[in-house]
Amino acid sequence: ILENIFVLLTIWKTKKFHRPMYYFIGNLALSDLLAGVAYTANLLLSGATTYRLTPAQWFLREGSMFVALSASVFSLLAIAIERYITMLKMKLHNGSNSFRSFLLISACWVISLILGGLPIMGWNCINMLSSCSTVLPLYHKHYILFCTTVFTLLLLAIVILYCRIYSLVRTRSRRLTFRKNISKASRSSEKSLALLKTVIIVLSVFIACWAPLFILLLLDVGCKVKTCDILFRAEYFLVLAVLNSGTNPIIYTLTNKEMRRAFIRILSC
């Protein structure tokens, strides 16, 4: 939680970070921050407290986690879309459009709220207990399958976009080199690849942290009640997924020189 707060403070207090691309990184930090808060609240309301919760309170507890984590995934997709559009226009920083950025960020949260709110709006298994998830009781297995499918498709789309971005960067560098504009080609490649490297590492860590939970949820959908013992150890998979929210600030400071310097400057104040 504290790490993501520092990322948000760094972006807020550093004027050169008041650019669309860093708005997306700030939005990712905000969603990770809220995921950490939601997970803490989830822990406090778990155990014996769970039995005192009404269905609406239970849906609110779990739904807040879904909203925050969904926003994190959609933020990664928004960053990929923004980078791809920017590279298509062959502009590194000034090519980004603030209105488009805020539109994408708003869409991230609206879709996440809808996705996380579907169970409380009726897509649950309260009247069909045989269709309930083992990992997330009261959630319908079809809803679990739907969310897992959506997140998998989103991650696939993000990977494809970054492959296209890398291809565009390489093509542009070759063209500049062919035109004998070596210094410009070098600067262009360094700036593009530095920012691209940061987000690719974030994405790779995200997949590594989330893939086990995705697999567990697919098992949850396929297994009959009480037939898969591993489903009763879901907390280990969830902890791994939530830890991803704490890795992004570390990745930013290690891979982005500008953010690392600004981050250190904020800490030293």
C-alpha atoms as a PDB file:
ATOM      1  CA  ILE A   1       0.000   0.000   0.000  1.00  0.00           C
ATOM      2  CA  LEU A   2       2.752   2.460   0.986  1.00  0.00           C
ATOM      3  CA  GLU A   3       4.740   1.715  -2.173  1.00  0.00           C
ATOM      4  CA  ASN A   4       1.814   2.637  -4.415  1.00  0.00           C
ATOM      5  CA  ILE A   5       1.160   5.780  -2.374  1.00  0.00           C
ATOM      6  CA  PHE A   6       4.761   6.845  -3.045  1.00  0.00           C
ATOM      7  CA  VAL A   7       4.308   6.228  -6.798  1.00  0.00           C
ATOM      8  CA  LEU A   8       1.194   8.425  -6.821  1.00  0.00           C
ATOM      9  CA  LEU A   9       2.980  11.144  -4.812  1.00  0.00           C
ATOM     10  CA  THR A  10       5.960  11.002  -7.165  1.00  0.00           C
ATOM     11  CA  ILE A  11       3.777  11.481 -10.243  1.00  0.00           C
ATOM     12  CA  TRP A  12       1.740  14.217  -8.553  1.00  0.00           C
ATOM     13  CA  LYS A  13       4.754  16.234  -7.329  1.00  0.00           C
ATOM     14  CA  THR A  14       6.906  15.852 -10.464  1.00  0.00           C
ATOM     15  CA  LYS A  15       5.713  18.188 -13.238  1.00  0.00           C
ATOM     16  CA  LYS A  16       7.447  16.320 -16.056  1.00  0.00           C
ATOM     17  CA  PHE A  17       5.347  13.273 -15.153  1.00  0.00           C
ATOM     18  CA  HIS A  18       2.139  15.211 -15.843  1.00  0.00           C
ATOM     19  CA  ARG A  19       1.806  13.450 -19.186  1.00  0.00           C
ATOM     20  CA  PRO A  20      -0.787  10.942 -20.404  1.00  0.00           C
ATOM     21  CA  MET A  21       1.526   7.934 -20.203  1.00  0.00           C
ATOM     22  CA  TYR A  22       2.258   8.602 -16.539  1.00  0.00           C
ATOM     23  CA  TYR A  23      -1.443   9.138 -15.863  1.00  0.00           C
ATOM     24  CA  PHE A  24      -1.899   5.504 -16.873  1.00  0.00           C
ATOM     25  CA  ILE A  25       0.924   4.407 -14.585  1.00  0.00           C
ATOM     26  CA  GLY A  26      -0.682   6.459 -11.810  1.00  0.00           C
ATOM     27  CA  ASN A  27      -4.009   4.779 -12.505  1.00  0.00           C
ATOM     28  CA  LEU A  28      -2.334   1.375 -12.272  1.00  0.00           C
ATOM     29  CA  ALA A  29      -0.772   2.408  -8.942  1.00  0.00           C
ATOM     30  CA  LEU A  30      -4.188   3.584  -7.707  1.00  0.00           C
ATOM     31  CA  SER A  31      -5.845   0.280  -8.613  1.00  0.00           C
ATOM     32  CA  ASP A  32      -2.995  -1.629  -6.937  1.00  0.00           C
ATOM     33  CA  LEU A  33      -3.364   0.577  -3.854  1.00  0.00           C
ATOM     34  CA  LEU A  34      -7.095  -0.123  -3.682  1.00  0.00           C
ATOM     35  CA  ALA A  35      -6.434  -3.837  -4.207  1.00  0.00           C
ATOM     36  CA  GLY A  36      -4.153  -3.778  -1.164  1.00  0.00           C
ATOM     37  CA  VAL A  37      -6.772  -1.942   0.909  1.00  0.00           C
ATOM     38  CA  ALA A  38      -9.535  -4.313  -0.256  1.00  0.00           C
ATOM     39  CA  TYR A  39      -7.402  -7.354   0.550  1.00  0.00           C
ATOM     40  CA  THR A  40      -6.673  -6.010   4.050  1.00  0.00           C
ATOM     41  CA  ALA A  41     -10.388  -5.426   4.612  1.00  0.00           C
ATOM     42  CA  ASN A  42     -11.078  -8.917   3.267  1.00  0.00           C
ATOM     43  CA  LEU A  43      -8.713 -10.422   5.841  1.00  0.00           C
ATOM     44  CA  LEU A  44     -10.287  -8.454   8.689  1.00  0.00           C
ATOM     45  CA  LEU A  45     -13.758  -9.602   7.653  1.00  0.00           C
ATOM     46  CA  SER A  46     -12.787 -13.247   7.142  1.00  0.00           C
ATOM     47  CA  GLY A  47     -12.838 -16.212   9.518  1.00  0.00           C
ATOM     48  CA  ALA A  48     -15.615 -16.205  12.094  1.00  0.00           C
ATOM     49  CA  THR A  49     -16.714 -12.743  10.927  1.00  0.00           C
ATOM     50  CA  THR A  50     -17.769 -14.222   7.581  1.00  0.00           C
ATOM     51  CA  TYR A  51     -20.710 -16.015   9.193  1.00  0.00           C
ATOM     52  CA  ARG A  52     -22.057 -12.721  10.527  1.00  0.00           C
ATOM     53  CA  LEU A  53     -22.085 -11.069   7.103  1.00  0.00           C
ATOM     54  CA  THR A  54     -25.287 -10.722   5.114  1.00  0.00           C
ATOM     55  CA  PRO A  55     -25.132 -11.865   1.454  1.00  0.00           C
ATOM     56  CA  ALA A  56     -24.986  -8.202   0.370  1.00  0.00           C
ATOM     57  CA  GLN A  57     -22.040  -7.528   2.721  1.00  0.00           C
ATOM     58  CA  TRP A  58     -20.264 -10.659   1.486  1.00  0.00           C
ATOM     59  CA  PHE A  59     -20.726  -9.569  -2.144  1.00  0.00           C
ATOM     60  CA  LEU A  60     -19.420  -6.109  -1.223  1.00  0.00           C
ATOM     61  CA  ARG A  61     -16.339  -7.623   0.459  1.00  0.00           C
ATOM     62  CA  GLU A  62     -15.461  -9.861  -2.474  1.00  0.00           C
ATOM     63  CA  GLY A  63     -16.689  -7.432  -5.132  1.00  0.00           C
ATOM     64  CA  SER A  64     -14.343  -4.673  -3.962  1.00  0.00           C
ATOM     65  CA  MET A  65     -11.419  -7.036  -4.581  1.00  0.00           C
ATOM     66  CA  PHE A  66     -12.743  -7.901  -8.027  1.00  0.00           C
ATOM     67  CA  VAL A  67     -13.207  -4.226  -8.942  1.00  0.00           C
ATOM     68  CA  ALA A  68      -9.685  -3.213  -7.854  1.00  0.00           C
ATOM     69  CA  LEU A  69      -7.980  -6.198  -9.474  1.00  0.00           C
ATOM     70  CA  SER A  70     -10.057  -5.815 -12.653  1.00  0.00           C
ATOM     71  CA  ALA A  71      -9.047  -2.149 -12.825  1.00  0.00           C
ATOM     72  CA  SER A  72      -5.404  -3.244 -12.564  1.00  0.00           C
ATOM     73  CA  VAL A  73      -5.794  -5.565 -15.561  1.00  0.00           C
ATOM     74  CA  PHE A  74      -7.695  -2.973 -17.588  1.00  0.00           C
ATOM     75  CA  SER A  75      -5.029  -0.373 -16.699  1.00  0.00           C
ATOM     76  CA  LEU A  76      -2.367  -2.620 -18.210  1.00  0.00           C
ATOM     77  CA  LEU A  77      -4.489  -2.905 -21.357  1.00  0.00           C
ATOM     78  CA  ALA A  78      -5.005   0.883 -21.451  1.00  0.00           C
ATOM     79  CA  ILE A  79      -1.238   1.440 -21.178  1.00  0.00           C
ATOM     80  CA  ALA A  80      -0.672  -0.991 -24.054  1.00  0.00           C
ATOM     81  CA  ILE A  81      -3.317   0.729 -26.220  1.00  0.00           C
ATOM     82  CA  GLU A  82      -1.874   4.178 -25.478  1.00  0.00           C
ATOM     83  CA  ARG A  83       1.676   3.061 -26.297  1.00  0.00           C
ATOM     84  CA  TYR A  84       0.533   1.401 -29.513  1.00  0.00           C
ATOM     85  CA  ILE A  85      -1.406   4.471 -30.724  1.00  0.00           C
ATOM     86  CA  THR A  86       1.535   6.711 -29.801  1.00  0.00           C
ATOM     87  CA  MET A  87       4.009   4.534 -31.701  1.00  0.00           C
ATOM     88  CA  LEU A  88       1.709   4.441 -34.737  1.00  0.00           C
ATOM     89  CA  LYS A  89       1.845   8.251 -34.786  1.00  0.00           C
ATOM     90  CA  MET A  90       5.647   8.018 -34.372  1.00  0.00           C
ATOM     91  CA  LYS A  91       5.635  10.433 -31.437  1.00  0.00           C
ATOM     92  CA  LEU A  92       7.120   9.543 -28.106  1.00  0.00           C
ATOM     93  CA  HIS A  93       5.706  11.896 -25.529  1.00  0.00           C
ATOM     94  CA  ASN A  94       3.739  14.749 -27.082  1.00  0.00           C
ATOM     95  CA  GLY A  95       1.749  12.405 -29.290  1.00  0.00           C
ATOM     96  CA  SER A  96      -0.450  11.254 -26.443  1.00  0.00           C
ATOM     97  CA  ASN A  97      -3.861  12.854 -26.138  1.00  0.00           C
ATOM     98  CA  SER A  98      -5.034  13.813 -22.639  1.00  0.00           C
ATOM     99  CA  PHE A  99      -8.716  13.469 -23.503  1.00  0.00           C
ATOM    100  CA  ARG A 100      -8.144   9.976 -24.911  1.00  0.00           C
ATOM    101  CA  SER A 101      -6.164   9.070 -21.801  1.00  0.00           C
ATOM    102  CA  PHE A 102      -8.889  10.142 -19.379  1.00  0.00           C
ATOM    103  CA  LEU A 103     -11.479   8.417 -21.563  1.00  0.00           C
ATOM    104  CA  LEU A 104      -9.563   5.135 -21.366  1.00  0.00           C
ATOM    105  CA  ILE A 105      -8.997   5.502 -17.615  1.00  0.00           C
ATOM    106  CA  SER A 106     -12.697   6.203 -17.052  1.00  0.00           C
ATOM    107  CA  ALA A 107     -13.610   3.170 -19.172  1.00  0.00           C
ATOM    108  CA  CYS A 108     -11.275   1.025 -17.026  1.00  0.00           C
ATOM    109  CA  TRP A 109     -13.188   1.872 -13.855  1.00  0.00           C
ATOM    110  CA  VAL A 110     -16.689   1.747 -15.357  1.00  0.00           C
ATOM    111  CA  ILE A 111     -16.115  -1.726 -16.835  1.00  0.00           C
ATOM    112  CA  SER A 112     -14.427  -2.907 -13.618  1.00  0.00           C
ATOM    113  CA  LEU A 113     -17.361  -1.703 -11.495  1.00  0.00           C
ATOM    114  CA  ILE A 114     -19.815  -3.493 -13.777  1.00  0.00           C
ATOM    115  CA  LEU A 115     -17.739  -6.683 -13.787  1.00  0.00           C
ATOM    116  CA  GLY A 116     -17.325  -6.689 -10.005  1.00  0.00           C
ATOM    117  CA  GLY A 117     -20.968  -5.816  -9.423  1.00  0.00           C
ATOM    118  CA  LEU A 118     -22.543  -8.560 -11.544  1.00  0.00           C
ATOM    119  CA  PRO A 119     -22.947 -11.028  -8.621  1.00  0.00           C
ATOM    120  CA  ILE A 120     -24.737  -8.546  -6.358  1.00  0.00           C
ATOM    121  CA  MET A 121     -26.956  -7.593  -9.321  1.00  0.00           C
ATOM    122  CA  GLY A 122     -28.124 -11.182  -9.661  1.00  0.00           C
ATOM    123  CA  TRP A 123     -25.450 -13.366 -11.255  1.00  0.00           C
ATOM    124  CA  ASN A 124     -24.908 -15.541  -8.187  1.00  0.00           C
ATOM    125  CA  CYS A 125     -25.803 -19.014  -6.937  1.00  0.00           C
ATOM    126  CA  ILE A 126     -27.900 -18.204  -3.871  1.00  0.00           C
ATOM    127  CA  ASN A 127     -30.827 -20.159  -5.307  1.00  0.00           C
ATOM    128  CA  MET A 128     -28.616 -22.784  -7.004  1.00  0.00           C
ATOM    129  CA  LEU A 129     -26.168 -23.979  -4.358  1.00  0.00           C
ATOM    130  CA  SER A 130     -24.989 -26.905  -6.497  1.00  0.00           C
ATOM    131  CA  SER A 131     -23.570 -24.357  -8.969  1.00  0.00           C
ATOM    132  CA  CYS A 132     -21.615 -22.429  -6.316  1.00  0.00           C
ATOM    133  CA  SER A 133     -17.868 -21.948  -6.484  1.00  0.00           C
ATOM    134  CA  THR A 134     -15.772 -23.699  -3.825  1.00  0.00           C
ATOM    135  CA  VAL A 135     -13.152 -20.938  -3.739  1.00  0.00           C
ATOM    136  CA  LEU A 136     -15.701 -18.113  -3.707  1.00  0.00           C
ATOM    137  CA  PRO A 137     -19.000 -19.377  -2.234  1.00  0.00           C
ATOM    138  CA  LEU A 138     -22.123 -17.535  -3.469  1.00  0.00           C
ATOM    139  CA  TYR A 139     -20.369 -16.855  -6.788  1.00  0.00           C
ATOM    140  CA  HIS A 140     -21.813 -18.876  -9.654  1.00  0.00           C
ATOM    141  CA  LYS A 141     -19.289 -21.092 -11.448  1.00  0.00           C
ATOM    142  CA  HIS A 142     -20.358 -19.573 -14.764  1.00  0.00           C
ATOM    143  CA  TYR A 143     -19.417 -16.120 -13.429  1.00  0.00           C
ATOM    144  CA  ILE A 144     -15.999 -17.425 -12.347  1.00  0.00           C
ATOM    145  CA  LEU A 145     -15.489 -18.935 -15.815  1.00  0.00           C
ATOM    146  CA  PHE A 146     -16.622 -15.692 -17.464  1.00  0.00           C
ATOM    147  CA  CYS A 147     -14.177 -13.547 -15.441  1.00  0.00           C
ATOM    148  CA  THR A 148     -11.277 -15.943 -16.004  1.00  0.00           C
ATOM    149  CA  THR A 149     -11.977 -15.970 -19.743  1.00  0.00           C
ATOM    150  CA  VAL A 150     -12.194 -12.161 -19.896  1.00  0.00           C
ATOM    151  CA  PHE A 151      -8.895 -11.701 -18.006  1.00  0.00           C
ATOM    152  CA  THR A 152      -7.144 -14.317 -20.155  1.00  0.00           C
ATOM    153  CA  LEU A 153      -8.309 -12.606 -23.365  1.00  0.00           C
ATOM    154  CA  LEU A 154      -7.200  -9.232 -21.986  1.00  0.00           C
ATOM    155  CA  LEU A 155      -3.724 -10.540 -21.197  1.00  0.00           C
ATOM    156  CA  LEU A 156      -3.507 -12.098 -24.656  1.00  0.00           C
ATOM    157  CA  ALA A 157      -4.496  -8.761 -26.221  1.00  0.00           C
ATOM    158  CA  ILE A 158      -1.850  -6.951 -24.152  1.00  0.00           C
ATOM    159  CA  VAL A 159       0.884  -9.376 -25.217  1.00  0.00           C
ATOM    160  CA  ILE A 160      -0.103  -8.970 -28.889  1.00  0.00           C
ATOM    161  CA  LEU A 161      -0.060  -5.167 -28.588  1.00  0.00           C
ATOM    162  CA  TYR A 162       3.425  -5.159 -27.066  1.00  0.00           C
ATOM    163  CA  CYS A 163       4.701  -7.476 -29.783  1.00  0.00           C
ATOM    164  CA  ARG A 164       3.350  -4.979 -32.331  1.00  0.00           C
ATOM    165  CA  ILE A 165       4.924  -2.060 -30.456  1.00  0.00           C
ATOM    166  CA  TYR A 166       8.317  -3.780 -30.429  1.00  0.00           C
ATOM    167  CA  SER A 167       7.976  -4.439 -34.154  1.00  0.00           C
ATOM    168  CA  LEU A 168       7.157  -0.764 -34.793  1.00  0.00           C
ATOM    169  CA  VAL A 169      10.142   0.398 -32.719  1.00  0.00           C
ATOM    170  CA  ARG A 170      12.526  -1.868 -34.632  1.00  0.00           C
ATOM    171  CA  THR A 171      11.104  -0.785 -37.996  1.00  0.00           C
ATOM    172  CA  ARG A 172      11.375   2.901 -37.127  1.00  0.00           C
ATOM    173  CA  SER A 173      14.973   2.535 -35.934  1.00  0.00           C
ATOM    174  CA  ARG A 174      15.954   0.792 -39.168  1.00  0.00           C
ATOM    175  CA  ARG A 175      14.381   3.561 -41.256  1.00  0.00           C
ATOM    176  CA  LEU A 176      16.190   6.300 -39.330  1.00  0.00           C
ATOM    177  CA  THR A 177      19.465   4.402 -39.597  1.00  0.00           C
ATOM    178  CA  PHE A 178      18.942   3.901 -43.327  1.00  0.00           C
ATOM    179  CA  ARG A 179      18.474   7.666 -43.691  1.00  0.00           C
ATOM    180  CA  LYS A 180      21.828   8.205 -41.905  1.00  0.00           C
ATOM    181  CA  ASN A 181      20.107   9.918 -38.974  1.00  0.00           C
ATOM    182  CA  ILE A 182      22.021   7.768 -36.514  1.00  0.00           C
ATOM    183  CA  SER A 183      21.815  10.010 -33.425  1.00  0.00           C
ATOM    184  CA  LYS A 184      18.070  10.538 -33.744  1.00  0.00           C
ATOM    185  CA  ALA A 185      17.518   6.838 -34.322  1.00  0.00           C
ATOM    186  CA  SER A 186      19.552   6.004 -31.227  1.00  0.00           C
ATOM    187  CA  ARG A 187      17.661   8.458 -29.001  1.00  0.00           C
ATOM    188  CA  SER A 188      14.313   7.321 -30.358  1.00  0.00           C
ATOM    189  CA  SER A 189      15.082   3.665 -29.738  1.00  0.00           C
ATOM    190  CA  GLU A 190      16.443   4.279 -26.234  1.00  0.00           C
ATOM    191  CA  LYS A 191      13.399   6.265 -25.077  1.00  0.00           C
ATOM    192  CA  SER A 192      10.888   3.889 -26.609  1.00  0.00           C
ATOM    193  CA  LEU A 193      12.556   0.714 -25.411  1.00  0.00           C
ATOM    194  CA  ALA A 194      13.175   2.085 -21.890  1.00  0.00           C
ATOM    195  CA  LEU A 195       9.485   2.785 -21.352  1.00  0.00           C
ATOM    196  CA  LEU A 196       8.483  -0.390 -23.148  1.00  0.00           C
ATOM    197  CA  LYS A 197      10.836  -2.453 -20.967  1.00  0.00           C
ATOM    198  CA  THR A 198       9.181  -1.139 -17.809  1.00  0.00           C
ATOM    199  CA  VAL A 199       5.692  -2.128 -18.873  1.00  0.00           C
ATOM    200  CA  ILE A 200       6.754  -5.509 -20.294  1.00  0.00           C
ATOM    201  CA  ILE A 201       8.383  -6.408 -16.963  1.00  0.00           C
ATOM    202  CA  VAL A 202       5.213  -5.310 -15.138  1.00  0.00           C
ATOM    203  CA  LEU A 203       3.184  -7.507 -17.490  1.00  0.00           C
ATOM    204  CA  SER A 204       5.492 -10.512 -17.089  1.00  0.00           C
ATOM    205  CA  VAL A 205       5.367 -10.302 -13.298  1.00  0.00           C
ATOM    206  CA  PHE A 206       1.597  -9.912 -13.483  1.00  0.00           C
ATOM    207  CA  ILE A 207       1.224 -13.108 -15.512  1.00  0.00           C
ATOM    208  CA  ALA A 208       3.578 -15.004 -13.182  1.00  0.00           C
ATOM    209  CA  CYS A 209       1.558 -13.902 -10.139  1.00  0.00           C
ATOM    210  CA  TRP A 210      -1.873 -14.423 -11.631  1.00  0.00           C
ATOM    211  CA  ALA A 211      -1.496 -17.562 -13.766  1.00  0.00           C
ATOM    212  CA  PRO A 212      -1.669 -19.941 -10.741  1.00  0.00           C
ATOM    213  CA  LEU A 213      -4.922 -18.323  -9.547  1.00  0.00           C
ATOM    214  CA  PHE A 214      -6.411 -18.477 -13.048  1.00  0.00           C
ATOM    215  CA  ILE A 215      -5.616 -22.194 -13.215  1.00  0.00           C
ATOM    216  CA  LEU A 216      -7.102 -22.721  -9.739  1.00  0.00           C
ATOM    217  CA  LEU A 217     -10.321 -20.941 -10.737  1.00  0.00           C
ATOM    218  CA  LEU A 218     -10.607 -23.091 -13.863  1.00  0.00           C
ATOM    219  CA  LEU A 219     -10.246 -26.163 -11.636  1.00  0.00           C
ATOM    220  CA  ASP A 220     -12.940 -24.707  -9.400  1.00  0.00           C
ATOM    221  CA  VAL A 221     -15.300 -24.506 -12.375  1.00  0.00           C
ATOM    222  CA  GLY A 222     -14.542 -28.062 -13.507  1.00  0.00           C
ATOM    223  CA  CYS A 223     -14.403 -29.868 -10.151  1.00  0.00           C
ATOM    224  CA  LYS A 224     -17.444 -31.126  -8.312  1.00  0.00           C
ATOM    225  CA  VAL A 225     -17.969 -29.925  -4.734  1.00  0.00           C
ATOM    226  CA  LYS A 226     -15.334 -31.261  -2.292  1.00  0.00           C
ATOM    227  CA  THR A 227     -13.567 -33.384  -4.953  1.00  0.00           C
ATOM    228  CA  CYS A 228     -10.476 -31.165  -5.433  1.00  0.00           C
ATOM    229  CA  ASP A 229      -8.564 -30.687  -2.169  1.00  0.00           C
ATOM    230  CA  ILE A 230      -6.350 -27.960  -3.634  1.00  0.00           C
ATOM    231  CA  LEU A 231      -9.377 -25.649  -3.844  1.00  0.00           C
ATOM    232  CA  PHE A 232      -9.350 -25.427  -0.039  1.00  0.00           C
ATOM    233  CA  ARG A 233      -5.865 -23.873  -0.177  1.00  0.00           C
ATOM    234  CA  ALA A 234      -6.922 -20.978  -2.377  1.00  0.00           C
ATOM    235  CA  GLU A 235      -5.519 -18.397   0.068  1.00  0.00           C
ATOM    236  CA  TYR A 236      -1.959 -19.179  -1.092  1.00  0.00           C
ATOM    237  CA  PHE A 237      -2.881 -18.488  -4.707  1.00  0.00           C
ATOM    238  CA  LEU A 238      -4.739 -15.311  -3.757  1.00  0.00           C
ATOM    239  CA  VAL A 239      -1.790 -14.003  -1.721  1.00  0.00           C
ATOM    240  CA  LEU A 240       0.499 -14.520  -4.729  1.00  0.00           C
ATOM    241  CA  ALA A 241      -1.920 -12.568  -6.929  1.00  0.00           C
ATOM    242  CA  VAL A 242      -2.282  -9.695  -4.451  1.00  0.00           C
ATOM    243  CA  LEU A 243       1.504  -9.476  -3.974  1.00  0.00           C
ATOM    244  CA  ASN A 244       1.623  -8.336  -7.585  1.00  0.00           C
ATOM    245  CA  SER A 245       0.167  -5.019  -6.416  1.00  0.00           C
ATOM    246  CA  GLY A 246       3.316  -4.420  -4.367  1.00  0.00           C
ATOM    247  CA  THR A 247       5.776  -5.318  -7.133  1.00  0.00           C
ATOM    248  CA  ASN A 248       4.818  -2.629  -9.653  1.00  0.00           C
ATOM    249  CA  PRO A 249       6.325   0.325  -7.684  1.00  0.00           C
ATOM    250  CA  ILE A 250       9.595  -1.614  -7.297  1.00  0.00           C
ATOM    251  CA  ILE A 251       9.667  -2.334 -11.030  1.00  0.00           C
ATOM    252  CA  TYR A 252       9.071   1.348 -11.880  1.00  0.00           C
ATOM    253  CA  THR A 253      11.968   2.557  -9.751  1.00  0.00           C
ATOM    254  CA  LEU A 254      14.391  -0.095 -11.002  1.00  0.00           C
ATOM    255  CA  THR A 255      13.698   0.234 -14.738  1.00  0.00           C
ATOM    256  CA  ASN A 256      12.828   3.910 -15.238  1.00  0.00           C
ATOM    257  CA  LYS A 257      15.667   6.338 -14.490  1.00  0.00           C
ATOM    258  CA  GLU A 258      13.415   9.398 -14.323  1.00  0.00           C
ATOM    259  CA  MET A 259      11.012   7.748 -11.897  1.00  0.00           C
ATOM    260  CA  ARG A 260      13.851   6.319  -9.819  1.00  0.00           C
ATOM    261  CA  ARG A 261      15.423   9.758  -9.360  1.00  0.00           C
ATOM    262  CA  ALA A 262      12.086  11.388  -8.563  1.00  0.00           C
ATOM    263  CA  PHE A 263      11.174   8.535  -6.206  1.00  0.00           C
ATOM    264  CA  ILE A 264      14.453   8.926  -4.285  1.00  0.00           C
ATOM    265  CA  ARG A 265      13.980  12.696  -4.158  1.00  0.00           C
ATOM    266  CA  ILE A 266      10.505  12.288  -2.626  1.00  0.00           C
ATOM    267  CA  LEU A 267      11.802   9.781  -0.057  1.00  0.00           C
ATOM    268  CA  SER A 268      14.661  12.076   0.961  1.00  0.00           C
ATOM    269  CA  CYS A 269      12.348  15.017   1.670  1.00  0.00           C
END
